[in-house]
Amino acid sequence: MADFNVNLRGVGSVSVIDVKGYLDAHTAPELENIFNKLLDERQFRVVVNFNELKYISSAGLGVFMAYVETMRENSGDIKFSNMKENVYNIFDLLGFPILYEFFKEEKEALQKFDSQG
């Protein structure tokens, strides 16, 4: 079993998801569960902090694609922060920077939500 951990915390009106370890087909359902919980609670403003993520597969990327439209339809979004270069390169290769906002630090992503109202 891959080493993966996901933690959800609130920072003001934004939900922050910390991902750690390896996000792949075996661990993606854990992240899906977090997003489903957020939808149930009508929390649509999300920052994903990748500070401790070592690896992401296409299944992990698919989780974000599955939920971003719903978040945006409800005046929210998914923003990414603290991504290591090797993980960012996977997102970049697949064109994610066109679809999502990436921030070096979590606080920058949180401030972006604050500036959007």
N, C-alpha and C. Protein backbone atom coordinates (compact mmCIF):
# COMPACT_ATOMS: atom_id res chain seq x y z
N MET A 1 0.85 -1.18 0.00
CA MET A 1 0.00 0.00 0.00
C MET A 1 0.89 1.24 0.00
N ALA A 2 0.53 2.17 -0.85
CA ALA A 2 1.32 3.39 -0.97
C ALA A 2 1.18 4.23 0.29
N ASP A 3 2.22 4.98 0.59
CA ASP A 3 2.23 5.89 1.72
C ASP A 3 1.51 7.17 1.30
N PHE A 4 0.34 7.40 1.89
CA PHE A 4 -0.43 8.59 1.55
C PHE A 4 -1.21 9.03 2.78
N ASN A 5 -1.29 10.35 2.93
CA ASN A 5 -2.08 10.91 4.02
C ASN A 5 -2.71 12.19 3.51
N VAL A 6 -3.96 12.41 3.91
CA VAL A 6 -4.66 13.63 3.52
C VAL A 6 -5.27 14.23 4.78
N ASN A 7 -5.14 15.54 4.90
CA ASN A 7 -5.65 16.24 6.08
C ASN A 7 -6.47 17.44 5.61
N LEU A 8 -7.61 17.64 6.24
CA LEU A 8 -8.48 18.77 5.90
C LEU A 8 -8.51 19.73 7.08
N ARG A 9 -8.31 21.00 6.77
CA ARG A 9 -8.39 22.03 7.82
C ARG A 9 -9.00 23.28 7.23
N GLY A 10 -9.64 24.06 8.07
CA GLY A 10 -10.24 25.29 7.63
C GLY A 10 -9.36 26.48 7.96
N VAL A 11 -9.25 27.40 7.01
CA VAL A 11 -8.54 28.66 7.24
C VAL A 11 -9.51 29.75 6.79
N GLY A 12 -10.22 30.32 7.75
CA GLY A 12 -11.25 31.29 7.42
C GLY A 12 -12.35 30.60 6.63
N SER A 13 -12.70 31.18 5.49
CA SER A 13 -13.76 30.61 4.66
C SER A 13 -13.22 29.64 3.62
N VAL A 14 -11.96 29.30 3.72
CA VAL A 14 -11.32 28.41 2.75
C VAL A 14 -10.96 27.08 3.42
N SER A 15 -11.18 25.99 2.69
CA SER A 15 -10.76 24.67 3.16
C SER A 15 -9.40 24.36 2.56
N VAL A 16 -8.48 23.92 3.42
CA VAL A 16 -7.14 23.56 2.96
C VAL A 16 -6.98 22.05 3.07
N ILE A 17 -6.57 21.43 1.99
CA ILE A 17 -6.29 19.99 1.97
C ILE A 17 -4.78 19.83 1.88
N ASP A 18 -4.20 19.20 2.89
CA ASP A 18 -2.78 18.86 2.86
C ASP A 18 -2.65 17.44 2.34
N VAL A 19 -1.86 17.25 1.30
CA VAL A 19 -1.62 15.91 0.77
C VAL A 19 -0.16 15.55 1.01
N LYS A 20 0.05 14.29 1.38
CA LYS A 20 1.39 13.84 1.76
C LYS A 20 1.63 12.44 1.20
N GLY A 21 2.80 12.27 0.61
CA GLY A 21 3.19 10.94 0.17
C GLY A 21 2.95 10.72 -1.31
N TYR A 22 2.22 9.64 -1.63
CA TYR A 22 2.04 9.20 -3.01
C TYR A 22 0.55 9.16 -3.34
N LEU A 23 0.14 10.00 -4.29
CA LEU A 23 -1.26 10.05 -4.72
C LEU A 23 -1.38 9.31 -6.04
N ASP A 24 -1.99 8.12 -5.97
CA ASP A 24 -2.11 7.28 -7.16
C ASP A 24 -3.47 6.60 -7.16
N ALA A 25 -3.66 5.61 -8.02
CA ALA A 25 -4.96 4.94 -8.14
C ALA A 25 -5.41 4.30 -6.83
N HIS A 26 -4.47 3.86 -6.02
CA HIS A 26 -4.82 3.21 -4.75
C HIS A 26 -5.23 4.21 -3.68
N THR A 27 -4.67 5.41 -3.74
CA THR A 27 -4.92 6.39 -2.68
C THR A 27 -5.88 7.51 -3.10
N ALA A 28 -6.14 7.64 -4.40
CA ALA A 28 -7.04 8.69 -4.88
C ALA A 28 -8.42 8.68 -4.21
N PRO A 29 -9.00 7.49 -3.90
CA PRO A 29 -10.31 7.50 -3.24
C PRO A 29 -10.32 8.25 -1.90
N GLU A 30 -9.20 8.28 -1.19
CA GLU A 30 -9.13 9.04 0.06
C GLU A 30 -9.33 10.53 -0.21
N LEU A 31 -8.71 11.02 -1.28
CA LEU A 31 -8.85 12.43 -1.65
C LEU A 31 -10.27 12.69 -2.14
N GLU A 32 -10.83 11.77 -2.91
CA GLU A 32 -12.21 11.91 -3.37
C GLU A 32 -13.17 12.03 -2.18
N ASN A 33 -12.93 11.24 -1.15
CA ASN A 33 -13.78 11.31 0.05
C ASN A 33 -13.75 12.70 0.67
N ILE A 34 -12.57 13.32 0.69
CA ILE A 34 -12.46 14.68 1.23
C ILE A 34 -13.26 15.66 0.38
N PHE A 35 -13.13 15.55 -0.94
CA PHE A 35 -13.88 16.46 -1.81
C PHE A 35 -15.38 16.24 -1.67
N ASN A 36 -15.81 14.99 -1.55
CA ASN A 36 -17.24 14.72 -1.36
C ASN A 36 -17.74 15.32 -0.06
N LYS A 37 -16.92 15.25 0.99
CA LYS A 37 -17.28 15.86 2.28
C LYS A 37 -17.43 17.37 2.12
N LEU A 38 -16.50 17.98 1.40
CA LEU A 38 -16.58 19.43 1.17
C LEU A 38 -17.86 19.79 0.41
N LEU A 39 -18.20 19.02 -0.60
CA LEU A 39 -19.43 19.29 -1.35
C LEU A 39 -20.65 19.14 -0.45
N ASP A 40 -20.66 18.10 0.38
CA ASP A 40 -21.78 17.89 1.32
C ASP A 40 -21.94 19.08 2.25
N GLU A 41 -20.80 19.68 2.63
CA GLU A 41 -20.81 20.82 3.56
C GLU A 41 -20.88 22.16 2.82
N ARG A 42 -21.03 22.10 1.50
CA ARG A 42 -21.13 23.30 0.66
C ARG A 42 -19.91 24.22 0.83
N GLN A 43 -18.74 23.59 0.90
CA GLN A 43 -17.47 24.31 0.97
C GLN A 43 -16.82 24.21 -0.41
N PHE A 44 -16.79 25.32 -1.13
CA PHE A 44 -16.35 25.28 -2.52
C PHE A 44 -15.04 26.02 -2.77
N ARG A 45 -14.47 26.61 -1.74
CA ARG A 45 -13.20 27.34 -1.87
C ARG A 45 -12.11 26.47 -1.25
N VAL A 46 -11.23 25.95 -2.10
CA VAL A 46 -10.26 24.94 -1.66
C VAL A 46 -8.84 25.30 -2.11
N VAL A 47 -7.92 25.17 -1.18
CA VAL A 47 -6.49 25.23 -1.50
C VAL A 47 -5.93 23.85 -1.20
N VAL A 48 -5.20 23.29 -2.15
CA VAL A 48 -4.53 22.01 -1.93
C VAL A 48 -3.04 22.32 -1.73
N ASN A 49 -2.54 21.96 -0.55
CA ASN A 49 -1.13 22.19 -0.21
C ASN A 49 -0.36 20.91 -0.51
N PHE A 50 0.55 21.00 -1.46
CA PHE A 50 1.31 19.84 -1.93
C PHE A 50 2.69 19.75 -1.28
N ASN A 51 2.92 20.48 -0.21
CA ASN A 51 4.25 20.57 0.38
C ASN A 51 4.90 19.21 0.62
N GLU A 52 4.11 18.22 1.05
CA GLU A 52 4.71 16.92 1.39
C GLU A 52 4.32 15.82 0.40
N LEU A 53 3.81 16.22 -0.78
CA LEU A 53 3.49 15.21 -1.79
C LEU A 53 4.74 14.87 -2.58
N LYS A 54 5.03 13.58 -2.67
CA LYS A 54 6.23 13.13 -3.38
C LYS A 54 5.93 12.72 -4.82
N TYR A 55 4.69 12.23 -5.06
CA TYR A 55 4.37 11.68 -6.38
C TYR A 55 2.87 11.79 -6.63
N ILE A 56 2.52 12.05 -7.89
CA ILE A 56 1.11 12.03 -8.28
C ILE A 56 0.99 11.32 -9.62
N SER A 57 0.00 10.43 -9.73
CA SER A 57 -0.26 9.71 -10.98
C SER A 57 -1.44 10.35 -11.70
N SER A 58 -1.77 9.82 -12.87
CA SER A 58 -2.91 10.33 -13.62
C SER A 58 -4.20 10.16 -12.83
N ALA A 59 -4.30 9.12 -12.02
CA ALA A 59 -5.50 8.93 -11.20
C ALA A 59 -5.63 10.06 -10.18
N GLY A 60 -4.52 10.49 -9.62
CA GLY A 60 -4.53 11.61 -8.68
C GLY A 60 -4.93 12.90 -9.36
N LEU A 61 -4.39 13.12 -10.56
CA LEU A 61 -4.75 14.31 -11.33
C LEU A 61 -6.23 14.31 -11.66
N GLY A 62 -6.77 13.15 -11.94
CA GLY A 62 -8.17 13.02 -12.29
C GLY A 62 -9.12 13.46 -11.20
N VAL A 63 -8.70 13.31 -9.95
CA VAL A 63 -9.55 13.74 -8.84
C VAL A 63 -9.81 15.24 -8.94
N PHE A 64 -8.79 16.01 -9.22
CA PHE A 64 -8.95 17.46 -9.32
C PHE A 64 -9.85 17.83 -10.50
N MET A 65 -9.67 17.12 -11.61
CA MET A 65 -10.50 17.39 -12.79
C MET A 65 -11.96 17.05 -12.50
N ALA A 66 -12.20 16.05 -11.70
CA ALA A 66 -13.57 15.61 -11.41
C ALA A 66 -14.34 16.63 -10.58
N TYR A 67 -13.64 17.44 -9.78
CA TYR A 67 -14.33 18.32 -8.84
C TYR A 67 -14.25 19.81 -9.17
N VAL A 68 -13.33 20.22 -10.01
CA VAL A 68 -13.12 21.65 -10.21
C VAL A 68 -14.34 22.34 -10.82
N GLU A 69 -15.02 21.68 -11.74
CA GLU A 69 -16.19 22.31 -12.37
C GLU A 69 -17.29 22.58 -11.35
N THR A 70 -17.54 21.62 -10.48
CA THR A 70 -18.56 21.80 -9.45
C THR A 70 -18.19 22.94 -8.51
N MET A 71 -16.92 23.03 -8.15
CA MET A 71 -16.47 24.12 -7.28
C MET A 71 -16.71 25.47 -7.95
N ARG A 72 -16.34 25.56 -9.21
CA ARG A 72 -16.47 26.83 -9.93
C ARG A 72 -17.93 27.20 -10.18
N GLU A 73 -18.78 26.20 -10.41
CA GLU A 73 -20.20 26.47 -10.60
C GLU A 73 -20.84 27.05 -9.34
N ASN A 74 -20.20 26.83 -8.20
CA ASN A 74 -20.70 27.32 -6.92
C ASN A 74 -19.85 28.47 -6.39
N SER A 75 -19.29 29.25 -7.30
CA SER A 75 -18.49 30.45 -6.97
C SER A 75 -17.24 30.13 -6.15
N GLY A 76 -16.72 28.93 -6.30
CA GLY A 76 -15.48 28.55 -5.62
C GLY A 76 -14.41 28.19 -6.64
N ASP A 77 -13.38 27.51 -6.16
CA ASP A 77 -12.30 27.09 -7.04
C ASP A 77 -11.39 26.14 -6.26
N ILE A 78 -10.48 25.51 -6.98
CA ILE A 78 -9.41 24.72 -6.38
C ILE A 78 -8.10 25.40 -6.79
N LYS A 79 -7.31 25.81 -5.81
CA LYS A 79 -6.01 26.43 -6.08
C LYS A 79 -4.92 25.53 -5.47
N PHE A 80 -3.76 25.51 -6.09
CA PHE A 80 -2.67 24.64 -5.68
C PHE A 80 -1.53 25.47 -5.08
N SER A 81 -0.90 24.93 -4.02
CA SER A 81 0.24 25.64 -3.42
C SER A 81 1.32 24.67 -2.98
N ASN A 82 2.50 25.23 -2.75
CA ASN A 82 3.64 24.53 -2.16
C ASN A 82 4.04 23.26 -2.93
N MET A 83 4.01 23.34 -4.24
CA MET A 83 4.28 22.16 -5.04
C MET A 83 5.77 22.04 -5.34
N LYS A 84 6.30 20.86 -5.14
CA LYS A 84 7.70 20.60 -5.48
C LYS A 84 7.83 20.54 -7.01
N GLU A 85 9.01 20.85 -7.49
CA GLU A 85 9.22 20.95 -8.94
C GLU A 85 8.86 19.68 -9.69
N ASN A 86 9.25 18.51 -9.15
CA ASN A 86 8.97 17.26 -9.86
C ASN A 86 7.47 17.00 -9.98
N VAL A 87 6.69 17.41 -8.98
CA VAL A 87 5.24 17.25 -9.03
C VAL A 87 4.65 18.30 -9.98
N TYR A 88 5.12 19.53 -9.88
CA TYR A 88 4.63 20.58 -10.78
C TYR A 88 4.85 20.20 -12.24
N ASN A 89 5.99 19.59 -12.53
CA ASN A 89 6.30 19.23 -13.91
C ASN A 89 5.25 18.30 -14.51
N ILE A 90 4.69 17.42 -13.70
CA ILE A 90 3.63 16.51 -14.17
C ILE A 90 2.39 17.33 -14.53
N PHE A 91 2.01 18.26 -13.64
CA PHE A 91 0.86 19.12 -13.90
C PHE A 91 1.11 19.96 -15.16
N ASP A 92 2.32 20.51 -15.27
CA ASP A 92 2.66 21.37 -16.39
C ASP A 92 2.61 20.61 -17.71
N LEU A 93 3.13 19.41 -17.73
CA LEU A 93 3.15 18.58 -18.93
C LEU A 93 1.74 18.36 -19.46
N LEU A 94 0.76 18.27 -18.56
CA LEU A 94 -0.61 18.00 -18.97
C LEU A 94 -1.47 19.26 -19.11
N GLY A 95 -0.83 20.43 -19.04
CA GLY A 95 -1.54 21.67 -19.29
C GLY A 95 -2.35 22.22 -18.13
N PHE A 96 -2.14 21.71 -16.92
CA PHE A 96 -2.90 22.19 -15.77
C PHE A 96 -2.72 23.67 -15.46
N PRO A 97 -1.54 24.27 -15.70
CA PRO A 97 -1.40 25.70 -15.39
C PRO A 97 -2.36 26.60 -16.18
N ILE A 98 -2.92 26.10 -17.26
CA ILE A 98 -3.92 26.86 -18.01
C ILE A 98 -5.26 26.82 -17.26
N LEU A 99 -5.52 25.73 -16.55
CA LEU A 99 -6.81 25.51 -15.91
C LEU A 99 -6.85 25.91 -14.44
N TYR A 100 -5.73 25.89 -13.78
CA TYR A 100 -5.65 26.11 -12.33
C TYR A 100 -4.63 27.18 -12.01
N GLU A 101 -4.80 27.78 -10.82
CA GLU A 101 -3.79 28.73 -10.34
C GLU A 101 -2.84 28.02 -9.38
N PHE A 102 -1.55 28.24 -9.60
CA PHE A 102 -0.50 27.65 -8.76
C PHE A 102 0.18 28.76 -7.97
N PHE A 103 0.44 28.51 -6.70
CA PHE A 103 1.08 29.49 -5.82
C PHE A 103 2.25 28.83 -5.11
N LYS A 104 3.31 29.60 -4.92
CA LYS A 104 4.48 29.06 -4.20
C LYS A 104 4.13 28.76 -2.75
N GLU A 105 3.34 29.64 -2.13
CA GLU A 105 3.00 29.49 -0.71
C GLU A 105 1.49 29.44 -0.51
N GLU A 106 1.07 28.70 0.48
CA GLU A 106 -0.35 28.57 0.82
C GLU A 106 -0.98 29.93 1.09
N LYS A 107 -0.26 30.79 1.80
CA LYS A 107 -0.85 32.09 2.17
C LYS A 107 -1.18 32.91 0.94
N GLU A 108 -0.41 32.76 -0.15
CA GLU A 108 -0.70 33.49 -1.39
C GLU A 108 -2.02 33.01 -2.00
N ALA A 109 -2.25 31.71 -1.97
CA ALA A 109 -3.50 31.15 -2.51
C ALA A 109 -4.68 31.61 -1.66
N LEU A 110 -4.50 31.63 -0.34
CA LEU A 110 -5.57 32.09 0.55
C LEU A 110 -5.87 33.56 0.30
N GLN A 111 -4.83 34.36 0.10
CA GLN A 111 -5.02 35.79 -0.17
C GLN A 111 -5.77 36.00 -1.49
N LYS A 112 -5.53 35.15 -2.46
CA LYS A 112 -6.22 35.26 -3.75
C LYS A 112 -7.72 35.06 -3.55
N PHE A 113 -8.10 34.08 -2.72
CA PHE A 113 -9.52 33.88 -2.41
C PHE A 113 -10.08 35.12 -1.70
N ASP A 114 -9.32 35.66 -0.76
CA ASP A 114 -9.78 36.85 -0.03
C ASP A 114 -10.02 38.02 -0.97
N SER A 115 -9.13 38.17 -1.96
CA SER A 115 -9.26 39.29 -2.89
C SER A 115 -10.43 39.09 -3.86
N GLN A 116 -10.88 37.86 -3.99
CA GLN A 116 -12.00 37.57 -4.89
C GLN A 116 -13.35 37.73 -4.18
N GLY A 117 -13.29 37.97 -2.88
CA GLY A 117 -14.52 38.15 -2.13
C GLY A 117 -14.97 36.88 -1.61
